[in-house]
Amino acid sequence: MPYLFLGLAITAEVLGTSLLKATEGFSRLWPSVACLVAYAGSFLALSAALARGLQVGVGYAVWSGLGITLIVVIGALFLNEPLSVTKVLGVVLVIAGVVVLNLGGAH
């Protein structure tokens, strides 16, 4: 059950981050409201996952690592952001760090 809430938290965080550019510095009302609601939902779902037994370090690592990875992919596919070798290497290192933390957290 904690991983269901973690998945919801990641989805909401990615949605909120994807909306940041549309807020234009939080000067546009509805994109700003949607962004803040998504972030609030993300933290609520993350706290629910932690309350159901997910370790803080592992939960946060998965939440932030998958969020970073998905945002880089969304940026490259939909926001015309360049995808460099350095950026891909950085994402690979983030994913490797999440995997290592999960392996360590399982013991």
PDB file of N, CA and C in Angstrom:
ATOM      1  N   MET A   1       0.802  -1.211   0.000  1.00  0.00           N
ATOM      2  CA  MET A   1       0.000   0.000   0.000  1.00  0.00           C
ATOM      3  C   MET A   1       0.850   1.284   0.000  1.00  0.00           C
ATOM      4  N   PRO A   2       1.999   1.317   0.700  1.00  0.00           N
ATOM      5  CA  PRO A   2       2.779   2.553   0.672  1.00  0.00           C
ATOM      6  C   PRO A   2       3.259   2.912  -0.738  1.00  0.00           C
ATOM      7  N   TYR A   3       3.511   1.888  -1.559  1.00  0.00           N
ATOM      8  CA  TYR A   3       3.999   2.178  -2.910  1.00  0.00           C
ATOM      9  C   TYR A   3       2.910   2.747  -3.815  1.00  0.00           C
ATOM     10  N   LEU A   4       1.662   2.459  -3.534  1.00  0.00           N
ATOM     11  CA  LEU A   4       0.557   3.088  -4.260  1.00  0.00           C
ATOM     12  C   LEU A   4       0.556   4.588  -3.965  1.00  0.00           C
ATOM     13  N   PHE A   5       0.681   4.948  -2.691  1.00  0.00           N
ATOM     14  CA  PHE A   5       0.737   6.362  -2.323  1.00  0.00           C
ATOM     15  C   PHE A   5       1.998   7.027  -2.874  1.00  0.00           C
ATOM     16  N   LEU A   6       3.101   6.295  -2.896  1.00  0.00           N
ATOM     17  CA  LEU A   6       4.329   6.840  -3.465  1.00  0.00           C
ATOM     18  C   LEU A   6       4.150   7.118  -4.953  1.00  0.00           C
ATOM     19  N   GLY A   7       3.496   6.217  -5.657  1.00  0.00           N
ATOM     20  CA  GLY A   7       3.213   6.442  -7.081  1.00  0.00           C
ATOM     21  C   GLY A   7       2.339   7.665  -7.305  1.00  0.00           C
ATOM     22  N   LEU A   8       1.335   7.838  -6.460  1.00  0.00           N
ATOM     23  CA  LEU A   8       0.484   9.033  -6.544  1.00  0.00           C
ATOM     24  C   LEU A   8       1.294  10.294  -6.261  1.00  0.00           C
ATOM     25  N   ALA A   9       2.192  10.215  -5.278  1.00  0.00           N
ATOM     26  CA  ALA A   9       3.031  11.363  -4.936  1.00  0.00           C
ATOM     27  C   ALA A   9       3.938  11.748  -6.097  1.00  0.00           C
ATOM     28  N   ILE A  10       4.517  10.766  -6.747  1.00  0.00           N
ATOM     29  CA  ILE A  10       5.406  11.030  -7.887  1.00  0.00           C
ATOM     30  C   ILE A  10       4.611  11.645  -9.040  1.00  0.00           C
ATOM     31  N   THR A  11       3.451  11.079  -9.318  1.00  0.00           N
ATOM     32  CA  THR A  11       2.607  11.592 -10.399  1.00  0.00           C
ATOM     33  C   THR A  11       2.213  13.047 -10.143  1.00  0.00           C
ATOM     34  N   ALA A  12       1.789  13.347  -8.928  1.00  0.00           N
ATOM     35  CA  ALA A  12       1.382  14.713  -8.599  1.00  0.00           C
ATOM     36  C   ALA A  12       2.573  15.674  -8.657  1.00  0.00           C
ATOM     37  N   GLU A  13       3.727  15.229  -8.194  1.00  0.00           N
ATOM     38  CA  GLU A  13       4.915  16.087  -8.230  1.00  0.00           C
ATOM     39  C   GLU A  13       5.338  16.388  -9.656  1.00  0.00           C
ATOM     40  N   VAL A  14       5.298  15.393 -10.513  1.00  0.00           N
ATOM     41  CA  VAL A  14       5.660  15.597 -11.917  1.00  0.00           C
ATOM     42  C   VAL A  14       4.654  16.539 -12.588  1.00  0.00           C
ATOM     43  N   LEU A  15       3.382  16.391 -12.271  1.00  0.00           N
ATOM     44  CA  LEU A  15       2.369  17.299 -12.802  1.00  0.00           C
ATOM     45  C   LEU A  15       2.633  18.726 -12.342  1.00  0.00           C
ATOM     46  N   GLY A  16       2.888  18.902 -11.042  1.00  0.00           N
ATOM     47  CA  GLY A  16       3.165  20.238 -10.523  1.00  0.00           C
ATOM     48  C   GLY A  16       4.391  20.872 -11.157  1.00  0.00           C
ATOM     49  N   THR A  17       5.441  20.101 -11.300  1.00  0.00           N
ATOM     50  CA  THR A  17       6.664  20.619 -11.911  1.00  0.00           C
ATOM     51  C   THR A  17       6.451  20.939 -13.385  1.00  0.00           C
ATOM     52  N   SER A  18       5.673  20.107 -14.075  1.00  0.00           N
ATOM     53  CA  SER A  18       5.372  20.360 -15.486  1.00  0.00           C
ATOM     54  C   SER A  18       4.585  21.656 -15.670  1.00  0.00           C
ATOM     55  N   LEU A  19       3.811  22.039 -14.665  1.00  0.00           N
ATOM     56  CA  LEU A  19       3.005  23.256 -14.745  1.00  0.00           C
ATOM     57  C   LEU A  19       3.771  24.522 -14.374  1.00  0.00           C
ATOM     58  N   LEU A  20       4.961  24.381 -13.809  1.00  0.00           N
ATOM     59  CA  LEU A  20       5.693  25.555 -13.335  1.00  0.00           C
ATOM     60  C   LEU A  20       5.909  26.603 -14.423  1.00  0.00           C
ATOM     61  N   LYS A  21       6.294  26.183 -15.606  1.00  0.00           N
ATOM     62  CA  LYS A  21       6.558  27.131 -16.683  1.00  0.00           C
ATOM     63  C   LYS A  21       5.284  27.880 -17.070  1.00  0.00           C
ATOM     64  N   ALA A  22       4.152  27.182 -17.054  1.00  0.00           N
ATOM     65  CA  ALA A  22       2.874  27.794 -17.425  1.00  0.00           C
ATOM     66  C   ALA A  22       2.411  28.839 -16.412  1.00  0.00           C
ATOM     67  N   THR A  23       2.928  28.777 -15.177  1.00  0.00           N
ATOM     68  CA  THR A  23       2.522  29.764 -14.170  1.00  0.00           C
ATOM     69  C   THR A  23       3.108  31.143 -14.453  1.00  0.00           C
ATOM     70  N   GLU A  24       4.167  31.192 -15.268  1.00  0.00           N
ATOM     71  CA  GLU A  24       4.879  32.432 -15.587  1.00  0.00           C
ATOM     72  C   GLU A  24       5.221  33.205 -14.311  1.00  0.00           C
ATOM     73  N   GLY A  25       5.951  32.517 -13.433  1.00  0.00           N
ATOM     74  CA  GLY A  25       6.371  33.129 -12.174  1.00  0.00           C
ATOM     75  C   GLY A  25       5.218  33.322 -11.210  1.00  0.00           C
ATOM     76  N   PHE A  26       4.250  32.438 -11.273  1.00  0.00           N
ATOM     77  CA  PHE A  26       3.036  32.489 -10.460  1.00  0.00           C
ATOM     78  C   PHE A  26       2.244  33.777 -10.696  1.00  0.00           C
ATOM     79  N   SER A  27       2.312  34.288 -11.926  1.00  0.00           N
ATOM     80  CA  SER A  27       1.536  35.473 -12.289  1.00  0.00           C
ATOM     81  C   SER A  27       0.227  35.105 -12.995  1.00  0.00           C
ATOM     82  N   ARG A  28       0.062  33.848 -13.395  1.00  0.00           N
ATOM     83  CA  ARG A  28      -1.181  33.376 -14.013  1.00  0.00           C
ATOM     84  C   ARG A  28      -1.938  32.540 -12.988  1.00  0.00           C
ATOM     85  N   LEU A  29      -3.174  32.912 -12.724  1.00  0.00           N
ATOM     86  CA  LEU A  29      -3.930  32.346 -11.617  1.00  0.00           C
ATOM     87  C   LEU A  29      -4.146  30.847 -11.730  1.00  0.00           C
ATOM     88  N   TRP A  30      -4.794  30.379 -12.787  1.00  0.00           N
ATOM     89  CA  TRP A  30      -5.215  28.978 -12.834  1.00  0.00           C
ATOM     90  C   TRP A  30      -4.057  27.993 -12.966  1.00  0.00           C
ATOM     91  N   PRO A  31      -3.050  28.281 -13.793  1.00  0.00           N
ATOM     92  CA  PRO A  31      -1.894  27.373 -13.771  1.00  0.00           C
ATOM     93  C   PRO A  31      -1.187  27.371 -12.410  1.00  0.00           C
ATOM     94  N   SER A  32      -1.165  28.523 -11.739  1.00  0.00           N
ATOM     95  CA  SER A  32      -0.550  28.599 -10.412  1.00  0.00           C
ATOM     96  C   SER A  32      -1.332  27.777  -9.400  1.00  0.00           C
ATOM     97  N   VAL A  33      -2.658  27.894  -9.429  1.00  0.00           N
ATOM     98  CA  VAL A  33      -3.497  27.121  -8.510  1.00  0.00           C
ATOM     99  C   VAL A  33      -3.307  25.629  -8.766  1.00  0.00           C
ATOM    100  N   ALA A  34      -3.331  25.220 -10.037  1.00  0.00           N
ATOM    101  CA  ALA A  34      -3.159  23.802 -10.376  1.00  0.00           C
ATOM    102  C   ALA A  34      -1.792  23.295  -9.927  1.00  0.00           C
ATOM    103  N   CYS A  35      -0.768  24.099 -10.119  1.00  0.00           N
ATOM    104  CA  CYS A  35       0.589  23.723  -9.709  1.00  0.00           C
ATOM    105  C   CYS A  35       0.659  23.528  -8.199  1.00  0.00           C
ATOM    106  N   LEU A  36       0.138  24.467  -7.444  1.00  0.00           N
ATOM    107  CA  LEU A  36       0.188  24.380  -5.986  1.00  0.00           C
ATOM    108  C   LEU A  36      -0.657  23.226  -5.455  1.00  0.00           C
ATOM    109  N   VAL A  37      -1.805  22.982  -6.070  1.00  0.00           N
ATOM    110  CA  VAL A  37      -2.641  21.852  -5.660  1.00  0.00           C
ATOM    111  C   VAL A  37      -1.909  20.532  -5.932  1.00  0.00           C
ATOM    112  N   ALA A  38      -1.244  20.450  -7.080  1.00  0.00           N
ATOM    113  CA  ALA A  38      -0.493  19.232  -7.407  1.00  0.00           C
ATOM    114  C   ALA A  38       0.636  19.006  -6.406  1.00  0.00           C
ATOM    115  N   TYR A  39       1.374  20.067  -6.063  1.00  0.00           N
ATOM    116  CA  TYR A  39       2.441  19.924  -5.072  1.00  0.00           C
ATOM    117  C   TYR A  39       1.893  19.541  -3.705  1.00  0.00           C
ATOM    118  N   ALA A  40       0.785  20.154  -3.297  1.00  0.00           N
ATOM    119  CA  ALA A  40       0.180  19.803  -2.008  1.00  0.00           C
ATOM    120  C   ALA A  40      -0.257  18.336  -2.011  1.00  0.00           C
ATOM    121  N   GLY A  41      -0.859  17.891  -3.113  1.00  0.00           N
ATOM    122  CA  GLY A  41      -1.261  16.491  -3.227  1.00  0.00           C
ATOM    123  C   GLY A  41      -0.065  15.560  -3.187  1.00  0.00           C
ATOM    124  N   SER A  42       1.026  15.996  -3.791  1.00  0.00           N
ATOM    125  CA  SER A  42       2.242  15.185  -3.787  1.00  0.00           C
ATOM    126  C   SER A  42       2.768  14.991  -2.371  1.00  0.00           C
ATOM    127  N   PHE A  43       2.846  16.070  -1.612  1.00  0.00           N
ATOM    128  CA  PHE A  43       3.346  15.960  -0.237  1.00  0.00           C
ATOM    129  C   PHE A  43       2.377  15.173   0.639  1.00  0.00           C
ATOM    130  N   LEU A  44       1.101  15.333   0.406  1.00  0.00           N
ATOM    131  CA  LEU A  44       0.111  14.571   1.165  1.00  0.00           C
ATOM    132  C   LEU A  44       0.262  13.072   0.891  1.00  0.00           C
ATOM    133  N   ALA A  45       0.385  12.710  -0.385  1.00  0.00           N
ATOM    134  CA  ALA A  45       0.539  11.300  -0.741  1.00  0.00           C
ATOM    135  C   ALA A  45       1.880  10.749  -0.250  1.00  0.00           C
ATOM    136  N   LEU A  46       2.942  11.546  -0.322  1.00  0.00           N
ATOM    137  CA  LEU A  46       4.240  11.091   0.183  1.00  0.00           C
ATOM    138  C   LEU A  46       4.180  10.859   1.688  1.00  0.00           C
ATOM    139  N   SER A  47       3.522  11.753   2.401  1.00  0.00           N
ATOM    140  CA  SER A  47       3.414  11.564   3.853  1.00  0.00           C
ATOM    141  C   SER A  47       2.558  10.341   4.181  1.00  0.00           C
ATOM    142  N   ALA A  48       1.544  10.064   3.360  1.00  0.00           N
ATOM    143  CA  ALA A  48       0.728   8.863   3.566  1.00  0.00           C
ATOM    144  C   ALA A  48       1.562   7.605   3.337  1.00  0.00           C
ATOM    145  N   ALA A  49       2.433   7.632   2.351  1.00  0.00           N
ATOM    146  CA  ALA A  49       3.306   6.481   2.091  1.00  0.00           C
ATOM    147  C   ALA A  49       4.255   6.254   3.265  1.00  0.00           C
ATOM    148  N   LEU A  50       4.795   7.347   3.802  1.00  0.00           N
ATOM    149  CA  LEU A  50       5.712   7.234   4.936  1.00  0.00           C
ATOM    150  C   LEU A  50       4.977   6.760   6.188  1.00  0.00           C
ATOM    151  N   ALA A  51       3.749   7.215   6.357  1.00  0.00           N
ATOM    152  CA  ALA A  51       2.957   6.794   7.523  1.00  0.00           C
ATOM    153  C   ALA A  51       2.612   5.308   7.466  1.00  0.00           C
ATOM    154  N   ARG A  52       2.625   4.737   6.269  1.00  0.00           N
ATOM    155  CA  ARG A  52       2.295   3.321   6.108  1.00  0.00           C
ATOM    156  C   ARG A  52       3.528   2.425   6.083  1.00  0.00           C
ATOM    157  N   GLY A  53       4.660   2.956   6.533  1.00  0.00           N
ATOM    158  CA  GLY A  53       5.823   2.111   6.743  1.00  0.00           C
ATOM    159  C   GLY A  53       6.981   2.294   5.784  1.00  0.00           C
ATOM    160  N   LEU A  54       6.833   3.116   4.765  1.00  0.00           N
ATOM    161  CA  LEU A  54       7.944   3.337   3.845  1.00  0.00           C
ATOM    162  C   LEU A  54       9.028   4.134   4.572  1.00  0.00           C
ATOM    163  N   GLN A  55      10.279   3.720   4.451  1.00  0.00           N
ATOM    164  CA  GLN A  55      11.387   4.439   5.080  1.00  0.00           C
ATOM    165  C   GLN A  55      11.557   5.805   4.431  1.00  0.00           C
ATOM    166  N   VAL A  56      11.857   6.809   5.237  1.00  0.00           N
ATOM    167  CA  VAL A  56      11.965   8.176   4.738  1.00  0.00           C
ATOM    168  C   VAL A  56      13.042   8.293   3.655  1.00  0.00           C
ATOM    169  N   GLY A  57      14.225   7.760   3.913  1.00  0.00           N
ATOM    170  CA  GLY A  57      15.313   7.877   2.945  1.00  0.00           C
ATOM    171  C   GLY A  57      15.007   7.196   1.627  1.00  0.00           C
ATOM    172  N   VAL A  58      14.473   6.003   1.709  1.00  0.00           N
ATOM    173  CA  VAL A  58      14.129   5.248   0.495  1.00  0.00           C
ATOM    174  C   VAL A  58      12.972   5.917  -0.223  1.00  0.00           C
ATOM    175  N   GLY A  59      11.943   6.298   0.525  1.00  0.00           N
ATOM    176  CA  GLY A  59      10.778   6.943  -0.089  1.00  0.00           C
ATOM    177  C   GLY A  59      11.141   8.241  -0.787  1.00  0.00           C
ATOM    178  N   TYR A  60      11.924   9.069  -0.115  1.00  0.00           N
ATOM    179  CA  TYR A  60      12.316  10.345  -0.711  1.00  0.00           C
ATOM    180  C   TYR A  60      13.224  10.136  -1.915  1.00  0.00           C
ATOM    181  N   ALA A  61      14.112   9.158  -1.836  1.00  0.00           N
ATOM    182  CA  ALA A  61      15.004   8.879  -2.964  1.00  0.00           C
ATOM    183  C   ALA A  61      14.213   8.448  -4.189  1.00  0.00           C
ATOM    184  N   VAL A  62      13.251   7.560  -3.999  1.00  0.00           N
ATOM    185  CA  VAL A  62      12.442   7.105  -5.132  1.00  0.00           C
ATOM    186  C   VAL A  62      11.591   8.255  -5.659  1.00  0.00           C
ATOM    187  N   TRP A  63      10.978   9.018  -4.754  1.00  0.00           N
ATOM    188  CA  TRP A  63      10.113  10.145  -5.134  1.00  0.00           C
ATOM    189  C   TRP A  63      10.897  11.174  -5.949  1.00  0.00           C
ATOM    190  N   SER A  64      12.037  11.584  -5.431  1.00  0.00           N
ATOM    191  CA  SER A  64      12.813  12.610  -6.138  1.00  0.00           C
ATOM    192  C   SER A  64      13.509  12.049  -7.377  1.00  0.00           C
ATOM    193  N   GLY A  65      14.042  10.833  -7.285  1.00  0.00           N
ATOM    194  CA  GLY A  65      14.757  10.251  -8.426  1.00  0.00           C
ATOM    195  C   GLY A  65      13.856  10.000  -9.624  1.00  0.00           C
ATOM    196  N   LEU A  66      12.697   9.395  -9.382  1.00  0.00           N
ATOM    197  CA  LEU A  66      11.761   9.175 -10.495  1.00  0.00           C
ATOM    198  C   LEU A  66      11.198  10.490 -11.000  1.00  0.00           C
ATOM    199  N   GLY A  67      10.969  11.428 -10.073  1.00  0.00           N
ATOM    200  CA  GLY A  67      10.490  12.746 -10.489  1.00  0.00           C
ATOM    201  C   GLY A  67      11.482  13.437 -11.413  1.00  0.00           C
ATOM    202  N   ILE A  68      12.751  13.414 -11.038  1.00  0.00           N
ATOM    203  CA  ILE A  68      13.795  14.022 -11.864  1.00  0.00           C
ATOM    204  C   ILE A  68      13.843  13.355 -13.240  1.00  0.00           C
ATOM    205  N   THR A  69      13.836  12.043 -13.236  1.00  0.00           N
ATOM    206  CA  THR A  69      13.918  11.302 -14.489  1.00  0.00           C
ATOM    207  C   THR A  69      12.735  11.627 -15.401  1.00  0.00           C
ATOM    208  N   LEU A  70      11.540  11.607 -14.852  1.00  0.00           N
ATOM    209  CA  LEU A  70      10.348  11.890 -15.663  1.00  0.00           C
ATOM    210  C   LEU A  70      10.332  13.326 -16.166  1.00  0.00           C
ATOM    211  N   ILE A  71      10.777  14.272 -15.346  1.00  0.00           N
ATOM    212  CA  ILE A  71      10.802  15.670 -15.781  1.00  0.00           C
ATOM    213  C   ILE A  71      11.813  15.876 -16.902  1.00  0.00           C
ATOM    214  N   VAL A  72      12.950  15.216 -16.832  1.00  0.00           N
ATOM    215  CA  VAL A  72      13.932  15.325 -17.921  1.00  0.00           C
ATOM    216  C   VAL A  72      13.335  14.775 -19.219  1.00  0.00           C
ATOM    217  N   VAL A  73      12.646  13.646 -19.139  1.00  0.00           N
ATOM    218  CA  VAL A  73      12.009  13.058 -20.321  1.00  0.00           C
ATOM    219  C   VAL A  73      10.911  13.980 -20.857  1.00  0.00           C
ATOM    220  N   ILE A  74      10.063  14.502 -19.977  1.00  0.00           N
ATOM    221  CA  ILE A  74       8.992  15.416 -20.396  1.00  0.00           C
ATOM    222  C   ILE A  74       9.587  16.678 -21.018  1.00  0.00           C
ATOM    223  N   GLY A  75      10.634  17.205 -20.401  1.00  0.00           N
ATOM    224  CA  GLY A  75      11.290  18.389 -20.956  1.00  0.00           C
ATOM    225  C   GLY A  75      11.824  18.152 -22.353  1.00  0.00           C
ATOM    226  N   ALA A  76      12.427  16.993 -22.561  1.00  0.00           N
ATOM    227  CA  ALA A  76      12.985  16.681 -23.884  1.00  0.00           C
ATOM    228  C   ALA A  76      11.885  16.442 -24.914  1.00  0.00           C
ATOM    229  N   LEU A  77      10.825  15.749 -24.521  1.00  0.00           N
ATOM    230  CA  LEU A  77       9.772  15.387 -25.474  1.00  0.00           C
ATOM    231  C   LEU A  77       8.789  16.509 -25.764  1.00  0.00           C
ATOM    232  N   PHE A  78       8.427  17.283 -24.739  1.00  0.00           N
ATOM    233  CA  PHE A  78       7.333  18.233 -24.913  1.00  0.00           C
ATOM    234  C   PHE A  78       7.714  19.701 -24.755  1.00  0.00           C
ATOM    235  N   LEU A  79       8.843  19.992 -24.128  1.00  0.00           N
ATOM    236  CA  LEU A  79       9.218  21.379 -23.876  1.00  0.00           C
ATOM    237  C   LEU A  79      10.430  21.822 -24.686  1.00  0.00           C
ATOM    238  N   ASN A  80      10.830  20.996 -25.641  1.00  0.00           N
ATOM    239  CA  ASN A  80      11.945  21.301 -26.541  1.00  0.00           C
ATOM    240  C   ASN A  80      13.241  21.611 -25.796  1.00  0.00           C
ATOM    241  N   GLU A  81      13.460  20.947 -24.666  1.00  0.00           N
ATOM    242  CA  GLU A  81      14.703  21.127 -23.939  1.00  0.00           C
ATOM    243  C   GLU A  81      15.750  20.165 -24.501  1.00  0.00           C
ATOM    244  N   PRO A  82      16.975  20.639 -24.652  1.00  0.00           N
ATOM    245  CA  PRO A  82      18.012  19.776 -25.231  1.00  0.00           C
ATOM    246  C   PRO A  82      18.361  18.618 -24.293  1.00  0.00           C
ATOM    247  N   LEU A  83      18.680  17.497 -24.884  1.00  0.00           N
ATOM    248  CA  LEU A  83      19.075  16.313 -24.135  1.00  0.00           C
ATOM    249  C   LEU A  83      20.530  16.020 -24.471  1.00  0.00           C
ATOM    250  N   SER A  84      21.429  16.361 -23.547  1.00  0.00           N
ATOM    251  CA  SER A  84      22.857  16.188 -23.780  1.00  0.00           C
ATOM    252  C   SER A  84      23.345  14.897 -23.131  1.00  0.00           C
ATOM    253  N   VAL A  85      24.547  14.517 -23.497  1.00  0.00           N
ATOM    254  CA  VAL A  85      25.169  13.345 -22.890  1.00  0.00           C
ATOM    255  C   VAL A  85      25.337  13.569 -21.393  1.00  0.00           C
ATOM    256  N   THR A  86      25.706  14.772 -20.996  1.00  0.00           N
ATOM    257  CA  THR A  86      25.880  15.093 -19.585  1.00  0.00           C
ATOM    258  C   THR A  86      24.563  14.945 -18.824  1.00  0.00           C
ATOM    259  N   LYS A  87      23.470  15.420 -19.411  1.00  0.00           N
ATOM    260  CA  LYS A  87      22.171  15.322 -18.754  1.00  0.00           C
ATOM    261  C   LYS A  87      21.750  13.864 -18.610  1.00  0.00           C
ATOM    262  N   VAL A  88      21.963  13.074 -19.648  1.00  0.00           N
ATOM    263  CA  VAL A  88      21.619  11.650 -19.592  1.00  0.00           C
ATOM    264  C   VAL A  88      22.479  10.946 -18.540  1.00  0.00           C
ATOM    265  N   LEU A  89      23.761  11.259 -18.495  1.00  0.00           N
ATOM    266  CA  LEU A  89      24.648  10.670 -17.491  1.00  0.00           C
ATOM    267  C   LEU A  89      24.190  11.034 -16.077  1.00  0.00           C
ATOM    268  N   GLY A  90      23.791  12.283 -15.888  1.00  0.00           N
ATOM    269  CA  GLY A  90      23.291  12.709 -14.583  1.00  0.00           C
ATOM    270  C   GLY A  90      22.061  11.928 -14.154  1.00  0.00           C
ATOM    271  N   VAL A  91      21.138  11.712 -15.085  1.00  0.00           N
ATOM    272  CA  VAL A  91      19.929  10.946 -14.783  1.00  0.00           C
ATOM    273  C   VAL A  91      20.284   9.494 -14.469  1.00  0.00           C
ATOM    274  N   VAL A  92      21.218   8.927 -15.216  1.00  0.00           N
ATOM    275  CA  VAL A  92      21.657   7.548 -14.944  1.00  0.00           C
ATOM    276  C   VAL A  92      22.252   7.453 -13.543  1.00  0.00           C
ATOM    277  N   LEU A  93      23.031   8.449 -13.133  1.00  0.00           N
ATOM    278  CA  LEU A  93      23.616   8.445 -11.796  1.00  0.00           C
ATOM    279  C   LEU A  93      22.545   8.586 -10.713  1.00  0.00           C
ATOM    280  N   VAL A  94      21.524   9.403 -10.974  1.00  0.00           N
ATOM    281  CA  VAL A  94      20.417   9.545 -10.020  1.00  0.00           C
ATOM    282  C   VAL A  94      19.706   8.207  -9.854  1.00  0.00           C
ATOM    283  N   ILE A  95      19.413   7.551 -10.972  1.00  0.00           N
ATOM    284  CA  ILE A  95      18.740   6.250 -10.924  1.00  0.00           C
ATOM    285  C   ILE A  95      19.607   5.225 -10.195  1.00  0.00           C
ATOM    286  N   ALA A  96      20.907   5.253 -10.470  1.00  0.00           N
ATOM    287  CA  ALA A  96      21.812   4.324  -9.781  1.00  0.00           C
ATOM    288  C   ALA A  96      21.804   4.588  -8.278  1.00  0.00           C
ATOM    289  N   GLY A  97      21.766   5.837  -7.878  1.00  0.00           N
ATOM    290  CA  GLY A  97      21.707   6.173  -6.463  1.00  0.00           C
ATOM    291  C   GLY A  97      20.429   5.674  -5.805  1.00  0.00           C
ATOM    292  N   VAL A  98      19.310   5.806  -6.501  1.00  0.00           N
ATOM    293  CA  VAL A  98      18.032   5.306  -5.972  1.00  0.00           C
ATOM    294  C   VAL A  98      18.081   3.792  -5.808  1.00  0.00           C
ATOM    295  N   VAL A  99      18.638   3.111  -6.789  1.00  0.00           N
ATOM    296  CA  VAL A  99      18.744   1.654  -6.712  1.00  0.00           C
ATOM    297  C   VAL A  99      19.613   1.240  -5.529  1.00  0.00           C
ATOM    298  N   VAL A 100      20.751   1.901  -5.362  1.00  0.00           N
ATOM    299  CA  VAL A 100      21.655   1.569  -4.262  1.00  0.00           C
ATOM    300  C   VAL A 100      20.972   1.828  -2.910  1.00  0.00           C
ATOM    301  N   LEU A 101      20.270   2.944  -2.783  1.00  0.00           N
ATOM    302  CA  LEU A 101      19.554   3.213  -1.537  1.00  0.00           C
ATOM    303  C   LEU A 101      18.473   2.169  -1.256  1.00  0.00           C
ATOM    304  N   ASN A 102      17.769   1.739  -2.298  1.00  0.00           N
ATOM    305  CA  ASN A 102      16.744   0.715  -2.120  1.00  0.00           C
ATOM    306  C   ASN A 102      17.361  -0.617  -1.717  1.00  0.00           C
ATOM    307  N   LEU A 103      18.488  -0.955  -2.286  1.00  0.00           N
ATOM    308  CA  LEU A 103      19.156  -2.190  -1.897  1.00  0.00           C
ATOM    309  C   LEU A 103      19.624  -2.135  -0.448  1.00  0.00           C
ATOM    310  N   GLY A 104      20.149  -0.991  -0.052  1.00  0.00           N
ATOM    311  CA  GLY A 104      20.594  -0.819   1.324  1.00  0.00           C
ATOM    312  C   GLY A 104      19.436  -0.757   2.303  1.00  0.00           C
ATOM    313  N   GLY A 105      18.318  -0.173   1.880  1.00  0.00           N
ATOM    314  CA  GLY A 105      17.156  -0.052   2.743  1.00  0.00           C
ATOM    315  C   GLY A 105      16.412  -1.345   2.942  1.00  0.00           C
ATOM    316  N   ALA A 106      16.628  -2.308   2.069  1.00  0.00           N
ATOM    317  CA  ALA A 106      15.912  -3.586   2.160  1.00  0.00           C
ATOM    318  C   ALA A 106      16.496  -4.481   3.245  1.00  0.00           C
ATOM    319  N   HIS A 107      17.706  -4.166   3.732  1.00  0.00           N
ATOM    320  CA  HIS A 107      18.350  -5.030   4.742  1.00  0.00           C
ATOM    321  C   HIS A 107      18.076  -4.548   6.140  1.00  0.00           C
TER     322      HIS A 107
END
